[in-house]
Protein backbone atom coordinates (compact mmCIF):
# COMPACT_ATOMS: atom_id res chain seq x y z
CA MET A 1 -4.91 -10.31 -60.01
CA GLN A 2 -5.81 -13.43 -62.01
CA SER A 3 -5.70 -16.71 -60.10
CA LEU A 4 -2.88 -18.85 -61.55
CA PRO A 5 -2.36 -21.75 -59.12
CA LEU A 6 0.58 -23.42 -60.87
CA VAL A 7 2.44 -20.11 -61.22
CA GLY A 8 1.77 -19.46 -57.55
CA ILE A 9 3.17 -22.89 -56.66
CA LEU A 10 6.35 -22.32 -58.70
CA LEU A 11 6.94 -18.87 -57.22
CA THR A 12 6.30 -20.09 -53.69
CA THR A 13 8.62 -23.09 -54.09
CA LEU A 14 11.35 -20.78 -55.42
CA SER A 15 10.87 -18.50 -52.43
CA PHE A 16 11.32 -21.35 -49.96
CA PHE A 17 14.53 -22.39 -51.73
CA LEU A 18 15.88 -18.85 -51.42
CA PHE A 19 14.77 -18.68 -47.79
CA SER A 20 16.65 -21.92 -47.15
CA LEU A 21 19.80 -20.29 -48.54
CA GLN A 22 19.09 -17.32 -46.29
CA ASP A 23 18.67 -19.58 -43.25
CA ALA A 24 22.00 -21.27 -43.97
CA SER A 25 23.70 -17.85 -44.14
CA VAL A 26 22.02 -16.68 -40.95
CA LYS A 27 22.98 -19.89 -39.15
CA TRP A 28 26.58 -19.22 -40.12
CA LEU A 29 26.42 -15.58 -39.01
CA VAL A 30 24.62 -15.89 -35.68
CA ALA A 31 27.36 -18.13 -34.36
CA THR A 32 29.33 -14.93 -33.71
CA LEU A 33 26.85 -12.06 -34.22
CA PRO A 34 23.57 -11.08 -32.50
CA VAL A 35 20.43 -12.08 -34.39
CA CYS A 36 19.02 -8.54 -34.23
CA GLN A 37 22.15 -7.13 -35.84
CA VAL A 38 21.96 -9.60 -38.73
CA LEU A 39 18.25 -8.95 -39.24
CA PHE A 40 18.79 -5.18 -39.12
CA ILE A 41 21.42 -5.12 -41.89
CA ARG A 42 19.38 -7.61 -43.91
CA SER A 43 16.35 -5.33 -43.64
CA VAL A 44 18.36 -2.23 -44.58
CA THR A 45 19.53 -4.07 -47.72
CA ILE A 46 15.98 -4.96 -48.76
CA VAL A 47 14.72 -1.42 -48.10
CA ALA A 48 17.57 0.02 -50.19
CA ILE A 49 16.79 -2.33 -53.10
CA CYS A 50 13.05 -1.57 -52.99
CA ALA A 51 13.67 2.19 -52.74
CA ALA A 52 16.10 2.06 -55.68
CA ILE A 53 13.58 0.20 -57.85
CA GLY A 54 10.36 1.96 -56.81
CA ARG A 55 11.89 5.37 -55.96
CA GLY A 56 9.60 8.25 -54.98
CA PRO A 57 6.25 6.73 -56.02
CA ALA A 58 6.87 3.56 -54.01
CA LEU A 59 7.98 5.52 -50.94
CA ARG A 60 4.91 7.76 -51.08
CA ARG A 61 2.62 4.80 -51.62
CA ALA A 62 4.18 2.92 -48.69
CA SER A 63 3.74 5.84 -46.29
CA GLY A 64 -0.01 5.99 -46.97
CA SER A 65 -0.77 2.41 -47.91
CA PRO A 66 -4.10 0.93 -46.77
CA VAL A 67 -2.25 -2.22 -45.61
CA LEU A 68 0.16 -0.33 -43.36
CA TRP A 69 -1.52 -1.44 -40.13
CA PRO A 70 -1.96 -5.11 -41.17
CA MET A 71 1.71 -5.12 -42.24
CA LEU A 72 2.67 -3.71 -38.84
CA TRP A 73 0.96 -6.61 -37.09
CA ARG A 74 2.43 -9.10 -39.54
CA THR A 75 5.94 -7.79 -38.93
CA LEU A 76 5.47 -8.05 -35.16
CA LEU A 77 4.29 -11.64 -35.59
CA LEU A 78 7.32 -12.46 -37.74
CA LEU A 79 9.68 -10.90 -35.25
CA ALA A 80 8.05 -12.84 -32.42
CA ALA A 81 8.31 -16.05 -34.47
CA TRP A 82 12.02 -15.55 -35.14
CA LEU A 83 12.79 -14.72 -31.51
CA SER A 84 10.84 -17.77 -30.32
CA TYR A 85 12.47 -20.00 -32.91
CA TYR A 86 16.06 -18.97 -32.18
CA THR A 87 15.51 -19.12 -28.43
CA ALA A 88 14.17 -22.68 -28.74
CA ALA A 89 17.14 -23.57 -30.96
CA ARG A 90 19.46 -23.23 -27.97
CA ASP A 91 17.96 -26.29 -26.30
CA LEU A 92 16.28 -28.41 -28.99
CA GLY A 93 17.94 -30.64 -31.54
CA LEU A 94 17.50 -29.75 -35.19
CA ALA A 95 15.09 -32.65 -35.82
CA GLN A 96 12.75 -31.66 -32.99
CA LEU A 97 12.97 -27.96 -33.80
CA THR A 98 12.24 -28.45 -37.50
CA THR A 99 9.35 -30.81 -36.83
CA LEU A 100 7.62 -28.49 -34.39
CA TYR A 101 8.11 -25.47 -36.63
CA TYR A 102 6.53 -27.28 -39.56
CA ALA A 103 3.20 -27.24 -37.79
CA ALA A 104 2.84 -23.84 -39.53
CA PRO A 105 1.30 -25.17 -42.79
CA ILE A 106 -1.41 -26.91 -40.77
CA VAL A 107 -2.12 -23.64 -38.94
CA VAL A 108 -2.37 -21.89 -42.33
CA THR A 109 -4.80 -24.49 -43.69
CA VAL A 110 -7.00 -24.36 -40.59
CA LEU A 111 -7.15 -20.54 -40.51
CA ALA A 112 -7.71 -20.23 -44.26
CA MET A 113 -11.34 -21.27 -43.79
CA PRO A 114 -12.60 -18.85 -41.10
CA VAL A 115 -10.27 -15.92 -41.85
CA LEU A 116 -10.05 -15.91 -45.65
CA GLY A 117 -13.22 -17.81 -46.43
CA GLU A 118 -11.31 -20.32 -48.55
CA ALA A 119 -12.86 -23.70 -49.25
CA VAL A 120 -10.26 -26.31 -48.34
CA PRO A 121 -10.95 -29.54 -50.29
CA PRO A 122 -9.97 -32.94 -48.86
CA SER A 123 -7.01 -33.22 -51.25
CA ARG A 124 -5.30 -30.22 -49.62
CA TRP A 125 -5.88 -31.60 -46.11
CA ILE A 126 -4.42 -34.93 -47.20
CA ALA A 127 -1.42 -33.15 -48.77
CA VAL A 128 -0.72 -31.06 -45.66
CA LEU A 129 -0.98 -34.05 -43.32
CA THR A 130 1.09 -36.24 -45.65
CA GLY A 131 3.78 -33.57 -45.79
CA PHE A 132 3.80 -33.27 -42.02
CA VAL A 133 4.17 -37.04 -41.64
CA GLY A 134 7.06 -36.78 -44.09
CA VAL A 135 8.70 -34.20 -41.84
CA LEU A 136 8.24 -36.49 -38.82
CA VAL A 137 9.83 -39.40 -40.66
CA ALA A 138 12.69 -37.32 -42.11
CA CYS A 139 13.56 -35.87 -38.71
CA ASP A 140 13.34 -39.30 -37.02
CA VAL A 141 11.10 -37.92 -34.31
CA PHE A 142 9.51 -41.30 -33.72
CA GLY A 143 12.91 -42.56 -32.62
CA GLN A 144 13.73 -39.54 -30.44
CA GLY A 145 10.39 -38.62 -28.92
CA LEU A 146 9.21 -35.15 -27.94
CA ALA A 147 8.97 -33.93 -24.36
CA VAL A 148 6.69 -31.07 -23.39
CA SER A 149 9.02 -28.33 -22.20
CA TRP A 150 9.54 -24.58 -22.50
CA PRO A 151 11.69 -24.88 -25.68
CA VAL A 152 9.06 -27.15 -27.26
CA TYR A 153 6.39 -24.57 -26.43
CA LEU A 154 8.50 -21.78 -27.98
CA ALA A 155 8.98 -23.76 -31.22
CA LEU A 156 5.23 -24.40 -31.45
CA GLN A 157 4.59 -20.74 -30.70
CA ALA A 158 6.90 -19.77 -33.57
CA ALA A 159 4.91 -22.06 -35.90
CA VAL A 160 1.61 -20.49 -34.85
CA PHE A 161 2.98 -16.95 -35.29
CA TRP A 162 4.32 -17.81 -38.74
CA GLY A 163 1.01 -19.40 -39.74
CA ILE A 164 -0.99 -16.32 -38.71
CA ALA A 165 1.53 -14.05 -40.46
CA THR A 166 1.07 -16.07 -43.65
CA ILE A 167 -2.70 -15.59 -43.46
CA LEU A 168 -2.18 -11.83 -43.06
CA LEU A 169 0.15 -11.88 -46.06
CA ARG A 170 -2.57 -13.42 -48.23
CA LYS A 171 -5.02 -10.69 -47.17
CA THR A 172 -2.59 -7.83 -47.85
CA ALA A 173 -1.29 -9.44 -51.06
CA LEU A 174 -4.68 -8.87 -52.66
CA GLU A 175 -4.80 -5.19 -51.65
CA GLU A 176 -1.30 -3.84 -52.31
CA GLY A 177 1.59 -4.22 -54.75
CA THR A 178 4.46 -6.56 -53.93
CA LEU A 179 7.20 -3.92 -53.95
CA VAL A 180 5.30 -1.67 -51.55
CA GLN A 181 4.60 -4.59 -49.20
CA MET A 182 8.28 -5.52 -49.16
CA LEU A 183 9.24 -1.93 -48.47
CA ILE A 184 6.80 -1.61 -45.57
CA SER A 185 7.67 -4.97 -44.02
CA SER A 186 11.43 -4.52 -44.16
CA ALA A 187 11.26 -0.89 -43.00
CA LEU A 188 9.23 -1.92 -39.95
CA LEU A 189 11.58 -4.79 -39.17
CA MET A 190 14.53 -2.41 -39.56
CA VAL A 191 13.01 -0.09 -36.97
CA PHE A 192 12.15 -2.84 -34.49
CA THR A 193 15.54 -4.57 -34.64
CA GLY A 194 17.34 -1.20 -34.70
CA LEU A 195 15.99 -0.42 -31.23
CA ALA A 196 18.16 -3.18 -29.77
CA LEU A 197 21.37 -2.31 -31.64
CA PRO A 198 22.81 0.18 -29.09
CA PHE A 199 22.93 -2.71 -26.62
CA LEU A 200 24.00 -5.53 -28.96
CA TRP A 201 26.12 -4.12 -31.80
CA GLN A 202 29.40 -5.91 -32.53
CA PRO A 203 32.13 -4.89 -35.01
CA LEU A 204 31.86 -6.53 -38.44
CA SER A 205 34.52 -7.78 -40.82
CA LEU A 206 34.14 -7.03 -44.53
CA SER A 207 33.38 -10.68 -45.24
CA GLU A 208 30.63 -10.73 -42.59
CA LEU A 209 29.12 -7.53 -43.94
CA ALA A 210 29.22 -8.89 -47.50
CA LEU A 211 27.54 -12.12 -46.39
CA ILE A 212 24.75 -10.25 -44.58
CA VAL A 213 24.14 -7.97 -47.57
CA GLY A 214 24.08 -11.02 -49.84
CA THR A 215 21.62 -12.61 -47.45
CA GLY A 216 19.46 -9.50 -47.75
CA VAL A 217 19.48 -9.79 -51.55
CA LEU A 218 18.44 -13.47 -51.34
CA ALA A 219 15.73 -12.60 -48.83
CA GLY A 220 14.49 -9.75 -51.04
CA VAL A 221 14.13 -11.95 -54.11
CA GLY A 222 12.57 -14.67 -51.94
CA GLN A 223 10.05 -12.21 -50.48
CA TYR A 224 9.12 -10.97 -53.94
CA ALA A 225 8.52 -14.54 -55.15
CA LEU A 226 6.50 -15.38 -52.03
CA PHE A 227 4.34 -12.25 -52.23
CA GLU A 228 3.67 -12.80 -55.93
CA GLY A 229 2.87 -16.46 -55.30
CA MET A 230 0.38 -15.48 -52.61
CA ARG A 231 -1.30 -13.12 -55.09
CA ARG A 232 -1.87 -15.96 -57.54
CA ALA A 233 -3.02 -18.89 -55.39
CA GLU A 234 -4.83 -19.65 -52.15
CA VAL A 235 -2.67 -20.12 -49.06
CA SER A 236 -4.20 -23.51 -48.26
CA LEU A 237 -3.06 -24.65 -51.72
CA LEU A 238 0.46 -23.31 -51.21
CA ALA A 239 0.88 -24.48 -47.60
CA PRO A 240 2.20 -28.01 -48.37
CA PHE A 241 5.01 -26.60 -50.51
CA GLU A 242 6.58 -25.00 -47.46
CA TYR A 243 7.76 -28.52 -46.64
CA SER A 244 10.16 -28.30 -49.59
CA SER A 245 12.37 -26.19 -47.33
CA LEU A 246 13.22 -29.36 -45.44
CA ILE A 247 14.71 -30.93 -48.56
CA TRP A 248 16.80 -27.83 -49.27
CA GLY A 249 17.85 -27.71 -45.62
CA PHE A 250 19.23 -31.23 -45.69
CA LEU A 251 20.97 -30.61 -49.02
CA LEU A 252 22.59 -27.39 -47.79
CA GLY A 253 23.55 -29.11 -44.56
CA PHE A 254 25.42 -31.72 -46.58
CA LEU A 255 27.12 -29.21 -48.89
CA ILE A 256 28.13 -26.73 -46.17
CA TRP A 257 28.50 -28.75 -42.96
CA HIS A 258 28.98 -32.24 -44.52
CA GLU A 259 25.89 -33.63 -42.80
CA VAL A 260 24.94 -36.97 -44.38
CA PRO A 261 21.16 -37.65 -44.41
CA SER A 262 20.05 -41.08 -43.22
CA ALA A 263 17.59 -43.38 -45.00
CA ASN A 264 14.60 -41.95 -43.12
CA VAL A 265 15.36 -38.53 -44.62
CA PHE A 266 14.88 -39.87 -48.13
CA VAL A 267 11.63 -41.61 -47.12
CA GLY A 268 10.36 -38.37 -45.58
CA ALA A 269 11.42 -36.39 -48.64
CA GLY A 270 9.45 -38.82 -50.81
CA LEU A 271 6.33 -38.21 -48.73
CA ILE A 272 6.84 -34.44 -48.93
CA ILE A 273 7.28 -34.51 -52.69
CA GLY A 274 4.27 -36.81 -52.97
CA ALA A 275 2.18 -34.26 -51.07
CA GLY A 276 3.11 -31.57 -53.60
CA VAL A 277 2.38 -33.85 -56.56
CA LEU A 278 -1.02 -34.67 -55.03
CA VAL A 279 -1.94 -30.99 -54.85
CA ILE A 280 -0.80 -30.29 -58.41
CA GLY A 281 -2.71 -33.28 -59.75
CA ALA A 282 -5.88 -32.32 -57.88
CA GLU A 283 -5.66 -28.73 -59.13
CA ARG A 284 -5.21 -29.83 -62.73
CA SER A 285 -8.17 -32.23 -62.46
CA ALA A 286 -10.34 -29.48 -60.97
CA ARG A 287 -9.40 -27.03 -63.74
CA ARG A 288 -10.16 -29.60 -66.45
CA ALA A 289 -13.53 -30.30 -64.84
CA VAL A 290 -14.38 -26.58 -64.85
CA GLN A 291 -13.28 -26.11 -68.45
CA SER A 292 -15.17 -29.16 -69.75
């Protein structure tokens, strides 16, 4: 797969927008439904879409794929991250929760060097740290303060799990096709969440079922964009663009729940956008230097 950093950035940014839509849907659903039930139906939807597109060849490839075991570990990490995140959400405010979770891009950048052998130039470190400061400002953490507690630990744990899972995604993205990876990941998540359904299942209305299926479609397209983005650019390059989810989160919060962002949100968003522009500018300069 040819390295196309700007294409990777665009695909990854699109994926985080779609994941933000998914998160808004899940937030709406889990108010009345168990998380495992929502994740199970979402996973069934993605598996059905992948099976319909790839059919027999994709199913056979998935069953004997060389990345099956790495995908198993990645799915377990993702499941652990979601369980940690939603458990912490019971006790932490949204600003604290979001801030702690956005330690993930820093984890990705740190692990990219020893695990993937990527060279992380100073511009990427500056972009990641600038984006994280933007998150701190946007969430007004300096005004609220963070106390070390069990929920805080769980949120940080979720960030670490997500960061490691992202590193594993980069490794498998170079060894297997996107459709097969999606099929494996969603099938494993379907199995793991399905184990809890006999104890948690609740009756669904047609509107709830339609919303979960729609969430699965959004998640499927988002996964495809993320996987393809990871195949085209290094994870340390893409890490700062995960912060764009914060901007979408505040926008969706306003449109759906009429949450009005304060001035610090716009300052933080400016820092986050600036981090992305810094990375793009550095990449373009590096490419021109190589070509000249």
